[in-house]
Structure formats: structure tokens, C-alpha cells
Amino acid sequence: MPRSVNSVAKRARRKKVLKQAKGYFGRRKNVWTVAKNAVEKAMLYSYRDRKAKKRNFRSLWIMRINAAARQQGLSYSQFMGKVKANNIGLNRKVLADLAMNHPEAFKAIVDKVK
């Protein structure tokens, strides 16, 4: 019995990977084995960095809240402790936005928790 080879599916898989490698430099964009490795590595980086992005933004929010709280005479930890104790249901993202874009509203929150 002759050997059955599904060349159509094989070509489709390769085209899919080469399409994902579009924009890469040199052989990474058009040589199958190099492109496959590059795309695989890129997928790992994208998976990892979707998690890292969340950490980075939380860190940024904390820095902004800390800077704004220190202008009002509180440290970040003191401020967040008092926010929790006063049952203010604002998360760090919202507090950081207030600190950056609406300093008078942030000052009102600080005055309320002091």
C-alpha cells in the first residue's frame, strides 16, 4: 500500500507559522525551521509578559499613590492601611488615577482617612 502524506495540511501549518513570523528580520521570516523557533519563543515571551504587565502596572500605581500620599504627609503603607480601615472601596488603579489626574479628589480622600 502506498504511503499517504497529507501535504495540504502540512503546508497549511507551515503557512500559519510563517504568517505569524511576518515582520521578523532575516531568515526568521521565511525559513521554516528558523521561523518556527522564533515564533515559538515569541509565544513564550508573550505568555510570560502578559503576567509581567500586571505586576508592572500594580508597581506603577503604588509609586504614584506613594508620591501623592507623601505630599499629604503620609507614607504609602499608612495611607493604604487607613483606606482599608475606613472601608473605602477604591482599588490602587483608581487611587493612582485620582492622584495623577484629580489631585483635589485625592486630597479629599486623604483628609477623610486622617
C-alpha atoms as a PDB file:
ATOM      1  CA  MET A   1       0.000   0.000   0.000  1.00  0.00           C
ATOM      2  CA  PRO A   2       1.420   3.426  -0.892  1.00  0.00           C
ATOM      3  CA  ARG A   3       2.322   5.838   1.867  1.00  0.00           C
ATOM      4  CA  SER A   4      -0.305   8.513   2.499  1.00  0.00           C
ATOM      5  CA  VAL A   5       1.013  12.032   3.020  1.00  0.00           C
ATOM      6  CA  ASN A   6      -1.256  14.946   3.821  1.00  0.00           C
ATOM      7  CA  SER A   7       0.742  17.690   2.125  1.00  0.00           C
ATOM      8  CA  VAL A   8      -2.171  20.131   2.200  1.00  0.00           C
ATOM      9  CA  ALA A   9      -2.363  20.154   5.990  1.00  0.00           C
ATOM     10  CA  LYS A  10       1.422  20.252   6.271  1.00  0.00           C
ATOM     11  CA  ARG A  11       1.607  23.306   4.017  1.00  0.00           C
ATOM     12  CA  ALA A  12      -1.238  24.986   5.943  1.00  0.00           C
ATOM     13  CA  ARG A  13       0.581  24.522   9.271  1.00  0.00           C
ATOM     14  CA  ARG A  14       3.760  25.981   7.839  1.00  0.00           C
ATOM     15  CA  LYS A  15       1.942  28.912   6.246  1.00  0.00           C
ATOM     16  CA  LYS A  16       0.306  29.666   9.591  1.00  0.00           C
ATOM     17  CA  VAL A  17       3.671  29.864  11.363  1.00  0.00           C
ATOM     18  CA  LEU A  18       5.283  31.874   8.556  1.00  0.00           C
ATOM     19  CA  LYS A  19       2.367  34.298   8.687  1.00  0.00           C
ATOM     20  CA  GLN A  20       2.970  34.740  12.428  1.00  0.00           C
ATOM     21  CA  ALA A  21       6.658  35.435  11.679  1.00  0.00           C
ATOM     22  CA  LYS A  22       5.785  38.311   9.344  1.00  0.00           C
ATOM     23  CA  GLY A  23       7.910  41.342  10.177  1.00  0.00           C
ATOM     24  CA  TYR A  24      10.814  39.370  11.610  1.00  0.00           C
ATOM     25  CA  PHE A  25      14.321  40.124  10.340  1.00  0.00           C
ATOM     26  CA  GLY A  26      16.346  37.947   8.005  1.00  0.00           C
ATOM     27  CA  ARG A  27      15.747  34.205   7.801  1.00  0.00           C
ATOM     28  CA  ARG A  28      13.428  34.358  10.811  1.00  0.00           C
ATOM     29  CA  LYS A  29      10.610  35.463   8.496  1.00  0.00           C
ATOM     30  CA  ASN A  30      10.886  32.997   5.614  1.00  0.00           C
ATOM     31  CA  VAL A  31      12.860  29.856   6.553  1.00  0.00           C
ATOM     32  CA  TRP A  32      10.579  27.285   8.149  1.00  0.00           C
ATOM     33  CA  THR A  33      12.885  25.891  10.851  1.00  0.00           C
ATOM     34  CA  VAL A  34      14.184  29.304  11.916  1.00  0.00           C
ATOM     35  CA  ALA A  35      10.723  30.902  11.805  1.00  0.00           C
ATOM     36  CA  LYS A  36       9.198  28.058  13.815  1.00  0.00           C
ATOM     37  CA  ASN A  37      11.744  28.551  16.608  1.00  0.00           C
ATOM     38  CA  ALA A  38      11.348  32.332  16.542  1.00  0.00           C
ATOM     39  CA  VAL A  39       7.545  32.160  16.693  1.00  0.00           C
ATOM     40  CA  GLU A  40       7.641  29.582  19.481  1.00  0.00           C
ATOM     41  CA  LYS A  41       9.979  31.793  21.522  1.00  0.00           C
ATOM     42  CA  ALA A  42       7.791  34.835  20.831  1.00  0.00           C
ATOM     43  CA  MET A  43       4.728  32.955  22.083  1.00  0.00           C
ATOM     44  CA  LEU A  44       6.545  32.082  25.307  1.00  0.00           C
ATOM     45  CA  TYR A  45       7.544  35.712  25.794  1.00  0.00           C
ATOM     46  CA  SER A  46       4.007  36.940  25.140  1.00  0.00           C
ATOM     47  CA  TYR A  47       2.561  34.453  27.648  1.00  0.00           C
ATOM     48  CA  ARG A  48       5.141  35.415  30.287  1.00  0.00           C
ATOM     49  CA  ASP A  49       4.796  39.126  29.703  1.00  0.00           C
ATOM     50  CA  ARG A  50       1.012  39.161  29.939  1.00  0.00           C
ATOM     51  CA  LYS A  51       1.607  38.241  33.582  1.00  0.00           C
ATOM     52  CA  ALA A  52       4.542  40.657  33.999  1.00  0.00           C
ATOM     53  CA  LYS A  53       2.429  43.506  32.614  1.00  0.00           C
ATOM     54  CA  LYS A  54       0.007  43.170  35.521  1.00  0.00           C
ATOM     55  CA  ARG A  55       2.892  43.299  38.011  1.00  0.00           C
ATOM     56  CA  ASN A  56       4.395  46.328  36.296  1.00  0.00           C
ATOM     57  CA  PHE A  57       1.150  48.285  36.346  1.00  0.00           C
ATOM     58  CA  ARG A  58       0.494  47.490  40.002  1.00  0.00           C
ATOM     59  CA  SER A  59       4.018  48.704  40.794  1.00  0.00           C
ATOM     60  CA  LEU A  60       3.403  51.917  38.849  1.00  0.00           C
ATOM     61  CA  TRP A  61       0.122  52.552  40.691  1.00  0.00           C
ATOM     62  CA  ILE A  62       1.832  52.035  44.040  1.00  0.00           C
ATOM     63  CA  MET A  63       4.576  54.525  43.113  1.00  0.00           C
ATOM     64  CA  ARG A  64       2.019  57.132  42.106  1.00  0.00           C
ATOM     65  CA  ILE A  65      -0.084  56.665  45.235  1.00  0.00           C
ATOM     66  CA  ASN A  66       3.036  56.814  47.403  1.00  0.00           C
ATOM     67  CA  ALA A  67       4.200  60.065  45.782  1.00  0.00           C
ATOM     68  CA  ALA A  68       0.786  61.697  46.185  1.00  0.00           C
ATOM     69  CA  ALA A  69       0.333  60.432  49.763  1.00  0.00           C
ATOM     70  CA  ARG A  70       3.751  61.743  50.811  1.00  0.00           C
ATOM     71  CA  GLN A  71       2.782  65.203  49.559  1.00  0.00           C
ATOM     72  CA  GLN A  72      -0.084  64.988  52.045  1.00  0.00           C
ATOM     73  CA  GLY A  73       2.210  63.847  54.879  1.00  0.00           C
ATOM     74  CA  LEU A  74       1.514  60.091  54.841  1.00  0.00           C
ATOM     75  CA  SER A  75       3.542  57.144  53.626  1.00  0.00           C
ATOM     76  CA  TYR A  76       2.013  54.635  51.206  1.00  0.00           C
ATOM     77  CA  SER A  77       1.594  51.932  53.843  1.00  0.00           C
ATOM     78  CA  GLN A  78       0.000  54.315  56.353  1.00  0.00           C
ATOM     79  CA  PHE A  79      -2.348  55.638  53.693  1.00  0.00           C
ATOM     80  CA  MET A  80      -3.429  52.206  52.425  1.00  0.00           C
ATOM     81  CA  GLY A  81      -3.890  50.956  55.987  1.00  0.00           C
ATOM     82  CA  LYS A  82      -6.207  53.860  56.757  1.00  0.00           C
ATOM     83  CA  VAL A  83      -8.078  53.434  53.475  1.00  0.00           C
ATOM     84  CA  LYS A  84      -8.811  49.797  54.375  1.00  0.00           C
ATOM     85  CA  ALA A  85      -9.702  50.697  57.981  1.00  0.00           C
ATOM     86  CA  ASN A  86     -12.219  53.302  56.759  1.00  0.00           C
ATOM     87  CA  ASN A  87     -13.794  50.804  54.330  1.00  0.00           C
ATOM     88  CA  ILE A  88     -13.086  52.917  51.266  1.00  0.00           C
ATOM     89  CA  GLY A  89     -13.585  50.532  48.349  1.00  0.00           C
ATOM     90  CA  LEU A  90     -11.215  52.143  45.855  1.00  0.00           C
ATOM     91  CA  ASN A  91      -8.523  49.958  44.326  1.00  0.00           C
ATOM     92  CA  ARG A  92      -4.965  51.033  43.555  1.00  0.00           C
ATOM     93  CA  LYS A  93      -5.734  51.686  39.898  1.00  0.00           C
ATOM     94  CA  VAL A  94      -8.442  54.211  40.756  1.00  0.00           C
ATOM     95  CA  LEU A  95      -6.424  55.805  43.555  1.00  0.00           C
ATOM     96  CA  ALA A  96      -3.433  56.232  41.229  1.00  0.00           C
ATOM     97  CA  ASP A  97      -5.660  57.815  38.590  1.00  0.00           C
ATOM     98  CA  LEU A  98      -7.068  60.228  41.150  1.00  0.00           C
ATOM     99  CA  ALA A  99      -3.568  61.049  42.403  1.00  0.00           C
ATOM    100  CA  MET A 100      -2.361  61.858  38.874  1.00  0.00           C
ATOM    101  CA  ASN A 101      -5.362  63.491  37.237  1.00  0.00           C
ATOM    102  CA  HIS A 102      -7.536  64.758  40.123  1.00  0.00           C
ATOM    103  CA  PRO A 103      -5.266  65.784  42.999  1.00  0.00           C
ATOM    104  CA  GLU A 104      -8.070  67.652  44.800  1.00  0.00           C
ATOM    105  CA  ALA A 105     -10.180  64.471  44.894  1.00  0.00           C
ATOM    106  CA  PHE A 106      -7.184  62.508  46.177  1.00  0.00           C
ATOM    107  CA  LYS A 107      -6.619  65.170  48.859  1.00  0.00           C
ATOM    108  CA  ALA A 108     -10.264  64.782  49.907  1.00  0.00           C
ATOM    109  CA  ILE A 109      -9.738  61.050  50.367  1.00  0.00           C
ATOM    110  CA  VAL A 110      -6.566  61.676  52.410  1.00  0.00           C
ATOM    111  CA  ASP A 111      -8.413  64.201  54.600  1.00  0.00           C
ATOM    112  CA  LYS A 112     -11.207  61.703  55.142  1.00  0.00           C
ATOM    113  CA  VAL A 113      -8.866  58.909  56.280  1.00  0.00           C
ATOM    114  CA  LYS A 114      -6.653  61.128  58.506  1.00  0.00           C
END
